[in-house]
Amino acid sequence: MSNPSRRDAETEALSTKFAEIPFVPAAAFKRQSSRARRIGAPVLLGLVVVGTAVAYLAVPSNAVDPNAPRVEIEVRGMHCPIQCGLRVAAALESLPWVIPGSVTANPKTGVVRFAVTSTEAVDQAQIRLAVENAGFGFRSVRTPDAASRRK
Protein backbone atom coordinates (compact mmCIF):
# COMPACT_ATOMS: atom_id res chain seq x y z
CA MET A 1 0.00 0.00 0.00
CA SER A 2 1.07 3.51 -0.59
CA ASN A 3 1.65 6.05 2.06
CA PRO A 4 -1.58 8.09 2.68
CA SER A 5 0.32 11.15 3.79
CA ARG A 6 2.30 11.19 0.57
CA ARG A 7 -0.92 10.96 -1.51
CA ASP A 8 -2.43 13.88 0.41
CA ALA A 9 0.71 15.92 -0.19
CA GLU A 10 0.54 15.26 -3.95
CA THR A 11 -3.16 16.14 -4.09
CA GLU A 12 -2.52 19.32 -2.14
CA ALA A 13 0.36 20.28 -4.44
CA LEU A 14 -1.79 19.74 -7.53
CA SER A 15 -4.72 21.65 -6.10
CA THR A 16 -2.51 24.65 -5.31
CA LYS A 17 -1.05 24.62 -8.87
CA PHE A 18 -4.48 24.60 -10.44
CA ALA A 19 -6.00 26.97 -7.93
CA GLU A 20 -4.64 29.91 -9.94
CA ILE A 21 -6.51 28.84 -13.08
CA PRO A 22 -10.03 30.21 -13.02
CA PHE A 23 -12.90 27.85 -13.75
CA VAL A 24 -14.83 28.81 -16.87
CA PRO A 25 -17.90 26.72 -17.71
CA ALA A 26 -18.06 25.18 -21.20
CA ALA A 27 -21.19 27.19 -22.01
CA ALA A 28 -19.09 30.37 -22.04
CA PHE A 29 -17.18 29.06 -25.07
CA LYS A 30 -20.32 28.36 -27.06
CA ARG A 31 -20.40 30.45 -30.18
CA GLN A 32 -23.38 32.70 -30.01
CA SER A 33 -25.03 33.99 -33.15
CA SER A 34 -25.22 37.74 -33.25
CA ARG A 35 -26.97 39.93 -35.77
CA ALA A 36 -23.62 41.12 -37.12
CA ARG A 37 -22.56 37.56 -37.87
CA ARG A 38 -25.88 36.70 -39.52
CA ILE A 39 -25.75 39.65 -41.90
CA GLY A 40 -21.99 39.82 -42.33
CA ALA A 41 -21.68 37.07 -44.96
CA PRO A 42 -24.47 38.36 -47.23
CA VAL A 43 -23.11 41.90 -46.99
CA LEU A 44 -19.63 40.69 -47.91
CA LEU A 45 -21.04 38.72 -50.83
CA GLY A 46 -22.98 41.78 -51.95
CA LEU A 47 -19.84 43.89 -51.87
CA VAL A 48 -18.04 41.32 -54.00
CA VAL A 49 -20.89 41.31 -56.54
CA VAL A 50 -21.02 45.11 -56.69
CA GLY A 51 -17.24 45.30 -57.02
CA THR A 52 -17.32 42.79 -59.85
CA ALA A 53 -20.06 44.72 -61.62
CA VAL A 54 -18.23 48.01 -61.24
CA ALA A 55 -15.02 46.46 -62.54
CA TYR A 56 -16.91 44.96 -65.47
CA LEU A 57 -18.66 48.22 -66.33
CA ALA A 58 -15.43 50.20 -65.94
CA VAL A 59 -13.95 48.66 -69.06
CA PRO A 60 -12.38 51.57 -70.90
CA SER A 61 -14.72 52.68 -73.63
CA ASN A 62 -11.86 54.23 -75.60
CA ALA A 63 -10.95 50.71 -76.75
CA VAL A 64 -14.15 50.72 -78.80
CA ASP A 65 -14.08 52.70 -82.01
CA PRO A 66 -16.45 55.67 -81.56
CA ASN A 67 -17.38 55.43 -85.25
CA ALA A 68 -18.35 51.75 -84.99
CA PRO A 69 -21.97 51.11 -85.91
CA ARG A 70 -24.25 50.77 -82.88
CA VAL A 71 -27.22 48.47 -82.49
CA GLU A 72 -30.02 49.11 -80.02
CA ILE A 73 -32.31 46.37 -78.75
CA GLU A 74 -35.21 46.31 -76.33
CA VAL A 75 -35.21 43.57 -73.71
CA ARG A 76 -38.09 42.49 -71.46
CA GLY A 77 -37.60 41.33 -67.88
CA MET A 78 -34.45 43.27 -67.07
CA HIS A 79 -34.84 44.82 -63.61
CA CYS A 80 -31.41 45.23 -62.02
CA PRO A 81 -28.22 46.72 -63.46
CA ILE A 82 -25.89 44.29 -61.75
CA GLN A 83 -27.17 40.81 -62.37
CA CYS A 84 -29.54 41.37 -65.30
CA GLY A 85 -27.33 43.86 -67.10
CA LEU A 86 -24.27 41.65 -66.78
CA ARG A 87 -26.11 38.56 -67.99
CA VAL A 88 -27.39 40.34 -71.09
CA ALA A 89 -23.97 41.89 -71.75
CA ALA A 90 -22.21 38.53 -71.44
CA ALA A 91 -24.74 36.90 -73.75
CA LEU A 92 -24.34 39.58 -76.41
CA GLU A 93 -20.55 39.71 -76.16
CA SER A 94 -20.46 36.01 -76.95
CA LEU A 95 -21.66 36.85 -80.47
CA PRO A 96 -18.68 37.07 -82.86
CA TRP A 97 -19.60 40.43 -84.42
CA VAL A 98 -20.27 42.30 -81.14
CA ILE A 99 -17.30 44.39 -80.01
CA PRO A 100 -16.33 43.36 -76.44
CA GLY A 101 -16.70 46.11 -73.87
CA SER A 102 -19.25 48.04 -75.89
CA VAL A 103 -22.45 46.68 -74.34
CA THR A 104 -24.39 49.09 -72.14
CA ALA A 105 -27.70 48.13 -70.55
CA ASN A 106 -30.35 50.37 -69.02
CA PRO A 107 -32.63 48.16 -66.91
CA LYS A 108 -35.17 50.94 -66.31
CA THR A 109 -36.01 51.27 -70.00
CA GLY A 110 -34.91 47.79 -71.11
CA VAL A 111 -32.67 49.28 -73.78
CA VAL A 112 -29.33 47.67 -74.54
CA ARG A 113 -26.82 49.29 -76.91
CA PHE A 114 -23.67 47.75 -78.34
CA ALA A 115 -21.17 48.29 -81.14
CA VAL A 116 -20.74 45.82 -83.96
CA THR A 117 -17.95 45.17 -86.42
CA SER A 118 -20.25 45.77 -89.41
CA THR A 119 -23.98 46.26 -89.93
CA GLU A 120 -24.05 43.48 -92.54
CA ALA A 121 -22.94 40.96 -89.92
CA VAL A 122 -25.82 41.72 -87.55
CA ASP A 123 -28.17 38.75 -87.31
CA GLN A 124 -31.43 39.45 -85.47
CA ALA A 125 -32.09 35.74 -84.95
CA GLN A 126 -28.75 35.33 -83.15
CA ILE A 127 -29.48 38.38 -80.99
CA ARG A 128 -32.91 36.99 -80.08
CA LEU A 129 -31.44 33.58 -79.25
CA ALA A 130 -28.65 35.08 -77.10
CA VAL A 131 -31.07 37.29 -75.13
CA GLU A 132 -33.58 34.46 -74.63
CA ASN A 133 -30.81 32.06 -73.54
CA ALA A 134 -29.80 34.65 -70.93
CA GLY A 135 -33.35 34.39 -69.55
CA PHE A 136 -34.95 37.55 -70.88
CA GLY A 137 -37.60 38.44 -73.40
CA PHE A 138 -36.80 40.12 -76.70
CA ARG A 139 -38.79 43.01 -78.17
CA SER A 140 -37.03 44.67 -81.08
CA VAL A 141 -33.75 45.52 -82.80
CA ARG A 142 -32.76 48.87 -84.24
CA THR A 143 -29.75 48.76 -86.49
CA PRO A 144 -27.95 51.86 -87.78
CA ASP A 145 -29.62 51.42 -91.18
CA ALA A 146 -33.09 51.48 -89.63
CA ALA A 147 -32.19 54.53 -87.51
CA SER A 148 -30.92 56.45 -90.53
CA ARG A 149 -34.10 55.67 -92.50
CA ARG A 150 -36.27 57.12 -89.70
CA LYS A 151 -34.48 60.49 -89.72
C-alpha atoms as a PDB file:
ATOM      1  CA  MET A   1       0.000   0.000   0.000  1.00  0.00           C
ATOM      2  CA  SER A   2       1.071   3.513  -0.586  1.00  0.00           C
ATOM      3  CA  ASN A   3       1.646   6.045   2.058  1.00  0.00           C
ATOM      4  CA  PRO A   4      -1.577   8.092   2.677  1.00  0.00           C
ATOM      5  CA  SER A   5       0.321  11.152   3.788  1.00  0.00           C
ATOM      6  CA  ARG A   6       2.301  11.187   0.574  1.00  0.00           C
ATOM      7  CA  ARG A   7      -0.916  10.963  -1.510  1.00  0.00           C
ATOM      8  CA  ASP A   8      -2.427  13.881   0.410  1.00  0.00           C
ATOM      9  CA  ALA A   9       0.714  15.918  -0.194  1.00  0.00           C
ATOM     10  CA  GLU A  10       0.544  15.261  -3.950  1.00  0.00           C
ATOM     11  CA  THR A  11      -3.157  16.140  -4.086  1.00  0.00           C
ATOM     12  CA  GLU A  12      -2.517  19.319  -2.136  1.00  0.00           C
ATOM     13  CA  ALA A  13       0.361  20.279  -4.441  1.00  0.00           C
ATOM     14  CA  LEU A  14      -1.794  19.735  -7.529  1.00  0.00           C
ATOM     15  CA  SER A  15      -4.720  21.650  -6.102  1.00  0.00           C
ATOM     16  CA  THR A  16      -2.507  24.646  -5.306  1.00  0.00           C
ATOM     17  CA  LYS A  17      -1.054  24.618  -8.875  1.00  0.00           C
ATOM     18  CA  PHE A  18      -4.483  24.597 -10.440  1.00  0.00           C
ATOM     19  CA  ALA A  19      -5.999  26.966  -7.925  1.00  0.00           C
ATOM     20  CA  GLU A  20      -4.640  29.912  -9.935  1.00  0.00           C
ATOM     21  CA  ILE A  21      -6.506  28.841 -13.078  1.00  0.00           C
ATOM     22  CA  PRO A  22     -10.035  30.210 -13.024  1.00  0.00           C
ATOM     23  CA  PHE A  23     -12.905  27.848 -13.749  1.00  0.00           C
ATOM     24  CA  VAL A  24     -14.827  28.808 -16.866  1.00  0.00           C
ATOM     25  CA  PRO A  25     -17.903  26.722 -17.715  1.00  0.00           C
ATOM     26  CA  ALA A  26     -18.057  25.183 -21.199  1.00  0.00           C
ATOM     27  CA  ALA A  27     -21.194  27.192 -22.006  1.00  0.00           C
ATOM     28  CA  ALA A  28     -19.089  30.369 -22.041  1.00  0.00           C
ATOM     29  CA  PHE A  29     -17.179  29.064 -25.074  1.00  0.00           C
ATOM     30  CA  LYS A  30     -20.321  28.355 -27.059  1.00  0.00           C
ATOM     31  CA  ARG A  31     -20.401  30.450 -30.184  1.00  0.00           C
ATOM     32  CA  GLN A  32     -23.384  32.699 -30.012  1.00  0.00           C
ATOM     33  CA  SER A  33     -25.034  33.994 -33.152  1.00  0.00           C
ATOM     34  CA  SER A  34     -25.215  37.739 -33.255  1.00  0.00           C
ATOM     35  CA  ARG A  35     -26.965  39.926 -35.767  1.00  0.00           C
ATOM     36  CA  ALA A  36     -23.623  41.123 -37.123  1.00  0.00           C
ATOM     37  CA  ARG A  37     -22.564  37.560 -37.868  1.00  0.00           C
ATOM     38  CA  ARG A  38     -25.876  36.703 -39.521  1.00  0.00           C
ATOM     39  CA  ILE A  39     -25.755  39.646 -41.901  1.00  0.00           C
ATOM     40  CA  GLY A  40     -21.986  39.816 -42.327  1.00  0.00           C
ATOM     41  CA  ALA A  41     -21.681  37.074 -44.962  1.00  0.00           C
ATOM     42  CA  PRO A  42     -24.470  38.363 -47.227  1.00  0.00           C
ATOM     43  CA  VAL A  43     -23.113  41.901 -46.993  1.00  0.00           C
ATOM     44  CA  LEU A  44     -19.633  40.694 -47.907  1.00  0.00           C
ATOM     45  CA  LEU A  45     -21.039  38.716 -50.827  1.00  0.00           C
ATOM     46  CA  GLY A  46     -22.976  41.782 -51.951  1.00  0.00           C
ATOM     47  CA  LEU A  47     -19.836  43.894 -51.873  1.00  0.00           C
ATOM     48  CA  VAL A  48     -18.036  41.315 -54.003  1.00  0.00           C
ATOM     49  CA  VAL A  49     -20.886  41.309 -56.536  1.00  0.00           C
ATOM     50  CA  VAL A  50     -21.025  45.106 -56.688  1.00  0.00           C
ATOM     51  CA  GLY A  51     -17.242  45.299 -57.018  1.00  0.00           C
ATOM     52  CA  THR A  52     -17.316  42.787 -59.852  1.00  0.00           C
ATOM     53  CA  ALA A  53     -20.065  44.716 -61.616  1.00  0.00           C
ATOM     54  CA  VAL A  54     -18.230  48.008 -61.243  1.00  0.00           C
ATOM     55  CA  ALA A  55     -15.022  46.456 -62.539  1.00  0.00           C
ATOM     56  CA  TYR A  56     -16.905  44.957 -65.474  1.00  0.00           C
ATOM     57  CA  LEU A  57     -18.657  48.217 -66.329  1.00  0.00           C
ATOM     58  CA  ALA A  58     -15.434  50.200 -65.936  1.00  0.00           C
ATOM     59  CA  VAL A  59     -13.948  48.657 -69.064  1.00  0.00           C
ATOM     60  CA  PRO A  60     -12.376  51.569 -70.897  1.00  0.00           C
ATOM     61  CA  SER A  61     -14.720  52.679 -73.634  1.00  0.00           C
ATOM     62  CA  ASN A  62     -11.860  54.234 -75.603  1.00  0.00           C
ATOM     63  CA  ALA A  63     -10.949  50.706 -76.746  1.00  0.00           C
ATOM     64  CA  VAL A  64     -14.153  50.722 -78.801  1.00  0.00           C
ATOM     65  CA  ASP A  65     -14.084  52.704 -82.007  1.00  0.00           C
ATOM     66  CA  PRO A  66     -16.449  55.673 -81.557  1.00  0.00           C
ATOM     67  CA  ASN A  67     -17.379  55.426 -85.249  1.00  0.00           C
ATOM     68  CA  ALA A  68     -18.351  51.754 -84.991  1.00  0.00           C
ATOM     69  CA  PRO A  69     -21.969  51.109 -85.907  1.00  0.00           C
ATOM     70  CA  ARG A  70     -24.249  50.771 -82.875  1.00  0.00           C
ATOM     71  CA  VAL A  71     -27.218  48.471 -82.491  1.00  0.00           C
ATOM     72  CA  GLU A  72     -30.016  49.115 -80.015  1.00  0.00           C
ATOM     73  CA  ILE A  73     -32.305  46.372 -78.750  1.00  0.00           C
ATOM     74  CA  GLU A  74     -35.209  46.313 -76.327  1.00  0.00           C
ATOM     75  CA  VAL A  75     -35.205  43.565 -73.707  1.00  0.00           C
ATOM     76  CA  ARG A  76     -38.088  42.489 -71.458  1.00  0.00           C
ATOM     77  CA  GLY A  77     -37.597  41.325 -67.876  1.00  0.00           C
ATOM     78  CA  MET A  78     -34.446  43.266 -67.074  1.00  0.00           C
ATOM     79  CA  HIS A  79     -34.836  44.819 -63.609  1.00  0.00           C
ATOM     80  CA  CYS A  80     -31.409  45.230 -62.023  1.00  0.00           C
ATOM     81  CA  PRO A  81     -28.223  46.715 -63.462  1.00  0.00           C
ATOM     82  CA  ILE A  82     -25.886  44.292 -61.753  1.00  0.00           C
ATOM     83  CA  GLN A  83     -27.173  40.805 -62.374  1.00  0.00           C
ATOM     84  CA  CYS A  84     -29.543  41.370 -65.300  1.00  0.00           C
ATOM     85  CA  GLY A  85     -27.331  43.862 -67.102  1.00  0.00           C
ATOM     86  CA  LEU A  86     -24.273  41.655 -66.776  1.00  0.00           C
ATOM     87  CA  ARG A  87     -26.107  38.562 -67.994  1.00  0.00           C
ATOM     88  CA  VAL A  88     -27.392  40.337 -71.095  1.00  0.00           C
ATOM     89  CA  ALA A  89     -23.968  41.892 -71.751  1.00  0.00           C
ATOM     90  CA  ALA A  90     -22.211  38.533 -71.439  1.00  0.00           C
ATOM     91  CA  ALA A  91     -24.741  36.897 -73.753  1.00  0.00           C
ATOM     92  CA  LEU A  92     -24.341  39.576 -76.411  1.00  0.00           C
ATOM     93  CA  GLU A  93     -20.553  39.711 -76.159  1.00  0.00           C
ATOM     94  CA  SER A  94     -20.456  36.011 -76.947  1.00  0.00           C
ATOM     95  CA  LEU A  95     -21.657  36.850 -80.467  1.00  0.00           C
ATOM     96  CA  PRO A  96     -18.684  37.073 -82.857  1.00  0.00           C
ATOM     97  CA  TRP A  97     -19.601  40.431 -84.420  1.00  0.00           C
ATOM     98  CA  VAL A  98     -20.271  42.302 -81.141  1.00  0.00           C
ATOM     99  CA  ILE A  99     -17.299  44.393 -80.009  1.00  0.00           C
ATOM    100  CA  PRO A 100     -16.328  43.356 -76.441  1.00  0.00           C
ATOM    101  CA  GLY A 101     -16.697  46.111 -73.867  1.00  0.00           C
ATOM    102  CA  SER A 102     -19.248  48.044 -75.893  1.00  0.00           C
ATOM    103  CA  VAL A 103     -22.445  46.679 -74.342  1.00  0.00           C
ATOM    104  CA  THR A 104     -24.387  49.095 -72.137  1.00  0.00           C
ATOM    105  CA  ALA A 105     -27.699  48.135 -70.552  1.00  0.00           C
ATOM    106  CA  ASN A 106     -30.347  50.370 -69.023  1.00  0.00           C
ATOM    107  CA  PRO A 107     -32.631  48.156 -66.914  1.00  0.00           C
ATOM    108  CA  LYS A 108     -35.173  50.937 -66.314  1.00  0.00           C
ATOM    109  CA  THR A 109     -36.005  51.269 -70.004  1.00  0.00           C
ATOM    110  CA  GLY A 110     -34.907  47.793 -71.107  1.00  0.00           C
ATOM    111  CA  VAL A 111     -32.667  49.282 -73.784  1.00  0.00           C
ATOM    112  CA  VAL A 112     -29.325  47.668 -74.542  1.00  0.00           C
ATOM    113  CA  ARG A 113     -26.815  49.290 -76.910  1.00  0.00           C
ATOM    114  CA  PHE A 114     -23.674  47.754 -78.340  1.00  0.00           C
ATOM    115  CA  ALA A 115     -21.172  48.286 -81.141  1.00  0.00           C
ATOM    116  CA  VAL A 116     -20.744  45.817 -83.963  1.00  0.00           C
ATOM    117  CA  THR A 117     -17.947  45.165 -86.422  1.00  0.00           C
ATOM    118  CA  SER A 118     -20.254  45.775 -89.407  1.00  0.00           C
ATOM    119  CA  THR A 119     -23.978  46.256 -89.932  1.00  0.00           C
ATOM    120  CA  GLU A 120     -24.051  43.484 -92.538  1.00  0.00           C
ATOM    121  CA  ALA A 121     -22.938  40.963 -89.922  1.00  0.00           C
ATOM    122  CA  VAL A 122     -25.821  41.724 -87.546  1.00  0.00           C
ATOM    123  CA  ASP A 123     -28.173  38.753 -87.308  1.00  0.00           C
ATOM    124  CA  GLN A 124     -31.431  39.447 -85.466  1.00  0.00           C
ATOM    125  CA  ALA A 125     -32.088  35.742 -84.951  1.00  0.00           C
ATOM    126  CA  GLN A 126     -28.750  35.334 -83.153  1.00  0.00           C
ATOM    127  CA  ILE A 127     -29.477  38.381 -80.995  1.00  0.00           C
ATOM    128  CA  ARG A 128     -32.909  36.995 -80.083  1.00  0.00           C
ATOM    129  CA  LEU A 129     -31.436  33.582 -79.248  1.00  0.00           C
ATOM    130  CA  ALA A 130     -28.651  35.076 -77.097  1.00  0.00           C
ATOM    131  CA  VAL A 131     -31.067  37.289 -75.133  1.00  0.00           C
ATOM    132  CA  GLU A 132     -33.577  34.464 -74.627  1.00  0.00           C
ATOM    133  CA  ASN A 133     -30.811  32.060 -73.537  1.00  0.00           C
ATOM    134  CA  ALA A 134     -29.800  34.655 -70.931  1.00  0.00           C
ATOM    135  CA  GLY A 135     -33.349  34.392 -69.545  1.00  0.00           C
ATOM    136  CA  PHE A 136     -34.952  37.550 -70.881  1.00  0.00           C
ATOM    137  CA  GLY A 137     -37.595  38.444 -73.399  1.00  0.00           C
ATOM    138  CA  PHE A 138     -36.798  40.120 -76.697  1.00  0.00           C
ATOM    139  CA  ARG A 139     -38.789  43.014 -78.167  1.00  0.00           C
ATOM    140  CA  SER A 140     -37.029  44.671 -81.084  1.00  0.00           C
ATOM    141  CA  VAL A 141     -33.747  45.515 -82.797  1.00  0.00           C
ATOM    142  CA  ARG A 142     -32.764  48.872 -84.236  1.00  0.00           C
ATOM    143  CA  THR A 143     -29.748  48.756 -86.489  1.00  0.00           C
ATOM    144  CA  PRO A 144     -27.947  51.860 -87.778  1.00  0.00           C
ATOM    145  CA  ASP A 145     -29.616  51.421 -91.180  1.00  0.00           C
ATOM    146  CA  ALA A 146     -33.094  51.476 -89.632  1.00  0.00           C
ATOM    147  CA  ALA A 147     -32.191  54.525 -87.510  1.00  0.00           C
ATOM    148  CA  SER A 148     -30.923  56.454 -90.525  1.00  0.00           C
ATOM    149  CA  ARG A 149     -34.096  55.669 -92.501  1.00  0.00           C
ATOM    150  CA  ARG A 150     -36.265  57.123 -89.704  1.00  0.00           C
ATOM    151  CA  LYS A 151     -34.482  60.487 -89.715  1.00  0.00           C
END
